[in-house]
Amino acid sequence: MSESTAARRVLNHLMSERDLQDGVVQLARSLGLLVFHDYDSRRSESGFPDLVIVGPRGVAFIELKRQSGKLTTEQKAWGAALQASMGRYDARHSYNVFRPHDWHEGSVDEELRRLA
């Protein structure tokens, strides 16, 4: 394993879900995208994705997890329902589960730029 690979693994495991969320929200807003996050989800539908991001080219439903975080049964159900409703070839809408490695490897940036 190279030094850079080892360093990325450490960064991935150190990044909290809150840090990831802050980065995603900041990047989305810098691209002119609208961001929704329910700051007090105790009275909301259990399992609904953390973020809904809207841009001129589409909508992304995004669940955020720590590197080793597991999806709950409710989160899996929402993800499956959203994916099924979008169809296989719907390029304007997406459901993603992002983890720190997605942030560091550019997948988050790519997805948000697709919406902008």
C-alpha atoms as a PDB file:
ATOM      1  CA  MET A   1       0.000   0.000   0.000  1.00  0.00           C
ATOM      2  CA  SER A   2       1.438   3.383  -0.988  1.00  0.00           C
ATOM      3  CA  GLU A   3       1.837   6.220   1.481  1.00  0.00           C
ATOM      4  CA  SER A   4      -0.872   8.262  -0.244  1.00  0.00           C
ATOM      5  CA  THR A   5      -3.324   5.344  -0.145  1.00  0.00           C
ATOM      6  CA  ALA A   6      -2.664   4.861   3.562  1.00  0.00           C
ATOM      7  CA  ALA A   7      -3.096   8.586   4.189  1.00  0.00           C
ATOM      8  CA  ARG A   8      -6.428   8.614   2.325  1.00  0.00           C
ATOM      9  CA  ARG A   9      -7.681   5.692   4.392  1.00  0.00           C
ATOM     10  CA  VAL A  10      -6.812   7.550   7.594  1.00  0.00           C
ATOM     11  CA  LEU A  11      -8.538  10.711   6.332  1.00  0.00           C
ATOM     12  CA  ASN A  12     -11.618   8.717   5.347  1.00  0.00           C
ATOM     13  CA  HIS A  13     -11.943   7.189   8.813  1.00  0.00           C
ATOM     14  CA  LEU A  14     -11.309  10.498  10.613  1.00  0.00           C
ATOM     15  CA  MET A  15     -13.928  12.458   8.673  1.00  0.00           C
ATOM     16  CA  SER A  16     -17.202  12.654  10.576  1.00  0.00           C
ATOM     17  CA  GLU A  17     -20.618  12.585   8.947  1.00  0.00           C
ATOM     18  CA  ARG A  18     -21.053  16.208  10.058  1.00  0.00           C
ATOM     19  CA  ASP A  19     -17.779  17.228   8.365  1.00  0.00           C
ATOM     20  CA  LEU A  20     -18.895  15.441   5.205  1.00  0.00           C
ATOM     21  CA  GLN A  21     -22.279  17.149   5.315  1.00  0.00           C
ATOM     22  CA  ASP A  22     -20.692  20.572   5.831  1.00  0.00           C
ATOM     23  CA  GLY A  23     -18.425  20.007   2.825  1.00  0.00           C
ATOM     24  CA  VAL A  24     -21.248  18.812   0.578  1.00  0.00           C
ATOM     25  CA  VAL A  25     -23.521  21.718   1.549  1.00  0.00           C
ATOM     26  CA  GLN A  26     -20.746  24.286   1.084  1.00  0.00           C
ATOM     27  CA  LEU A  27     -19.803  22.884  -2.335  1.00  0.00           C
ATOM     28  CA  ALA A  28     -23.436  22.722  -3.460  1.00  0.00           C
ATOM     29  CA  ARG A  29     -24.090  26.328  -2.453  1.00  0.00           C
ATOM     30  CA  SER A  30     -20.869  27.486  -4.119  1.00  0.00           C
ATOM     31  CA  LEU A  31     -22.222  25.947  -7.357  1.00  0.00           C
ATOM     32  CA  GLY A  32     -25.508  27.833  -6.980  1.00  0.00           C
ATOM     33  CA  LEU A  33     -27.536  24.768  -6.039  1.00  0.00           C
ATOM     34  CA  LEU A  34     -30.441  24.740  -3.585  1.00  0.00           C
ATOM     35  CA  VAL A  35     -29.954  22.536  -0.529  1.00  0.00           C
ATOM     36  CA  PHE A  36     -32.525  21.141   1.876  1.00  0.00           C
ATOM     37  CA  HIS A  37     -31.585  19.481   5.156  1.00  0.00           C
ATOM     38  CA  ASP A  38     -34.038  18.799   7.970  1.00  0.00           C
ATOM     39  CA  TYR A  39     -32.108  19.993  11.024  1.00  0.00           C
ATOM     40  CA  ASP A  40     -34.488  18.341  13.476  1.00  0.00           C
ATOM     41  CA  SER A  41     -35.576  15.041  11.976  1.00  0.00           C
ATOM     42  CA  ARG A  42     -37.169  13.649  15.159  1.00  0.00           C
ATOM     43  CA  ARG A  43     -40.658  14.423  13.823  1.00  0.00           C
ATOM     44  CA  SER A  44     -39.910  13.582  10.196  1.00  0.00           C
ATOM     45  CA  GLU A  45     -40.287  10.329   8.284  1.00  0.00           C
ATOM     46  CA  SER A  46     -37.602   7.928   9.491  1.00  0.00           C
ATOM     47  CA  GLY A  47     -34.941   7.087   6.909  1.00  0.00           C
ATOM     48  CA  PHE A  48     -35.503  10.012   4.528  1.00  0.00           C
ATOM     49  CA  PRO A  49     -32.172  11.084   2.933  1.00  0.00           C
ATOM     50  CA  ASP A  50     -30.063  13.698   4.715  1.00  0.00           C
ATOM     51  CA  LEU A  51     -29.963  16.157   1.818  1.00  0.00           C
ATOM     52  CA  VAL A  52     -32.035  17.062  -1.197  1.00  0.00           C
ATOM     53  CA  ILE A  53     -30.035  19.164  -3.659  1.00  0.00           C
ATOM     54  CA  VAL A  54     -31.671  20.851  -6.637  1.00  0.00           C
ATOM     55  CA  GLY A  55     -30.062  22.467  -9.651  1.00  0.00           C
ATOM     56  CA  PRO A  56     -31.035  23.408 -13.191  1.00  0.00           C
ATOM     57  CA  ARG A  57     -30.076  19.938 -14.434  1.00  0.00           C
ATOM     58  CA  GLY A  58     -31.712  17.779 -11.807  1.00  0.00           C
ATOM     59  CA  VAL A  59     -32.332  16.692  -8.243  1.00  0.00           C
ATOM     60  CA  ALA A  60     -30.156  14.537  -5.998  1.00  0.00           C
ATOM     61  CA  PHE A  61     -31.312  12.759  -2.852  1.00  0.00           C
ATOM     62  CA  ILE A  62     -28.219  12.168  -0.737  1.00  0.00           C
ATOM     63  CA  GLU A  63     -27.673   9.979   2.299  1.00  0.00           C
ATOM     64  CA  LEU A  64     -24.427  10.660   4.165  1.00  0.00           C
ATOM     65  CA  LYS A  65     -22.541   8.106   6.218  1.00  0.00           C
ATOM     66  CA  ARG A  66     -19.245   7.833   8.048  1.00  0.00           C
ATOM     67  CA  GLN A  67     -16.791   5.589   6.236  1.00  0.00           C
ATOM     68  CA  SER A  68     -17.909   2.521   8.181  1.00  0.00           C
ATOM     69  CA  GLY A  69     -21.502   3.654   8.843  1.00  0.00           C
ATOM     70  CA  LYS A  70     -24.378   1.299   8.078  1.00  0.00           C
ATOM     71  CA  LEU A  71     -27.698   2.188   6.489  1.00  0.00           C
ATOM     72  CA  THR A  72     -30.755   1.573   8.634  1.00  0.00           C
ATOM     73  CA  THR A  73     -33.631  -0.535   7.362  1.00  0.00           C
ATOM     74  CA  GLU A  74     -35.641   2.661   6.818  1.00  0.00           C
ATOM     75  CA  GLN A  75     -32.796   4.323   4.890  1.00  0.00           C
ATOM     76  CA  LYS A  76     -32.507   1.269   2.658  1.00  0.00           C
ATOM     77  CA  ALA A  77     -36.255   1.349   2.013  1.00  0.00           C
ATOM     78  CA  TRP A  78     -36.190   5.049   1.049  1.00  0.00           C
ATOM     79  CA  GLY A  79     -33.176   4.510  -1.199  1.00  0.00           C
ATOM     80  CA  ALA A  80     -34.784   1.560  -2.963  1.00  0.00           C
ATOM     81  CA  ALA A  81     -38.070   3.431  -3.424  1.00  0.00           C
ATOM     82  CA  LEU A  82     -36.344   6.520  -4.810  1.00  0.00           C
ATOM     83  CA  GLN A  83     -34.225   4.477  -7.203  1.00  0.00           C
ATOM     84  CA  ALA A  84     -37.258   2.515  -8.392  1.00  0.00           C
ATOM     85  CA  SER A  85     -39.244   5.702  -8.987  1.00  0.00           C
ATOM     86  CA  MET A  86     -36.451   7.223 -11.071  1.00  0.00           C
ATOM     87  CA  GLY A  87     -36.053   4.369 -13.477  1.00  0.00           C
ATOM     88  CA  ARG A  88     -32.810   3.043 -14.839  1.00  0.00           C
ATOM     89  CA  TYR A  89     -32.067   5.869 -17.295  1.00  0.00           C
ATOM     90  CA  ASP A  90     -33.262   9.007 -15.507  1.00  0.00           C
ATOM     91  CA  ALA A  91     -30.240  11.294 -15.766  1.00  0.00           C
ATOM     92  CA  ARG A  92     -31.983  14.241 -14.081  1.00  0.00           C
ATOM     93  CA  HIS A  93     -32.576  12.548 -10.728  1.00  0.00           C
ATOM     94  CA  SER A  94     -30.354  10.473  -8.500  1.00  0.00           C
ATOM     95  CA  TYR A  95     -30.070   8.804  -5.124  1.00  0.00           C
ATOM     96  CA  ASN A  96     -26.599   8.498  -3.638  1.00  0.00           C
ATOM     97  CA  VAL A  97     -25.023   7.271  -0.432  1.00  0.00           C
ATOM     98  CA  PHE A  98     -21.861   9.298   0.017  1.00  0.00           C
ATOM     99  CA  ARG A  99     -19.044   8.468   2.410  1.00  0.00           C
ATOM    100  CA  PRO A 100     -15.739  10.258   3.053  1.00  0.00           C
ATOM    101  CA  HIS A 101     -13.962   8.256   0.313  1.00  0.00           C
ATOM    102  CA  ASP A 102     -16.504   9.636  -2.205  1.00  0.00           C
ATOM    103  CA  TRP A 103     -15.585  13.141  -1.081  1.00  0.00           C
ATOM    104  CA  HIS A 104     -11.841  12.568  -1.315  1.00  0.00           C
ATOM    105  CA  GLU A 105     -12.023  10.711  -4.641  1.00  0.00           C
ATOM    106  CA  GLY A 106     -14.185  13.336  -6.363  1.00  0.00           C
ATOM    107  CA  SER A 107     -17.516  11.510  -6.720  1.00  0.00           C
ATOM    108  CA  VAL A 108     -19.364  14.151  -4.697  1.00  0.00           C
ATOM    109  CA  ASP A 109     -17.875  16.965  -6.769  1.00  0.00           C
ATOM    110  CA  GLU A 110     -18.783  15.160  -9.996  1.00  0.00           C
ATOM    111  CA  GLU A 111     -22.401  14.593  -8.909  1.00  0.00           C
ATOM    112  CA  LEU A 112     -22.951  18.181  -7.770  1.00  0.00           C
ATOM    113  CA  ARG A 113     -21.403  19.639 -10.924  1.00  0.00           C
ATOM    114  CA  ARG A 114     -23.763  17.414 -12.925  1.00  0.00           C
ATOM    115  CA  LEU A 115     -26.676  19.212 -11.273  1.00  0.00           C
ATOM    116  CA  ALA A 116     -25.295  22.746 -11.717  1.00  0.00           C
END
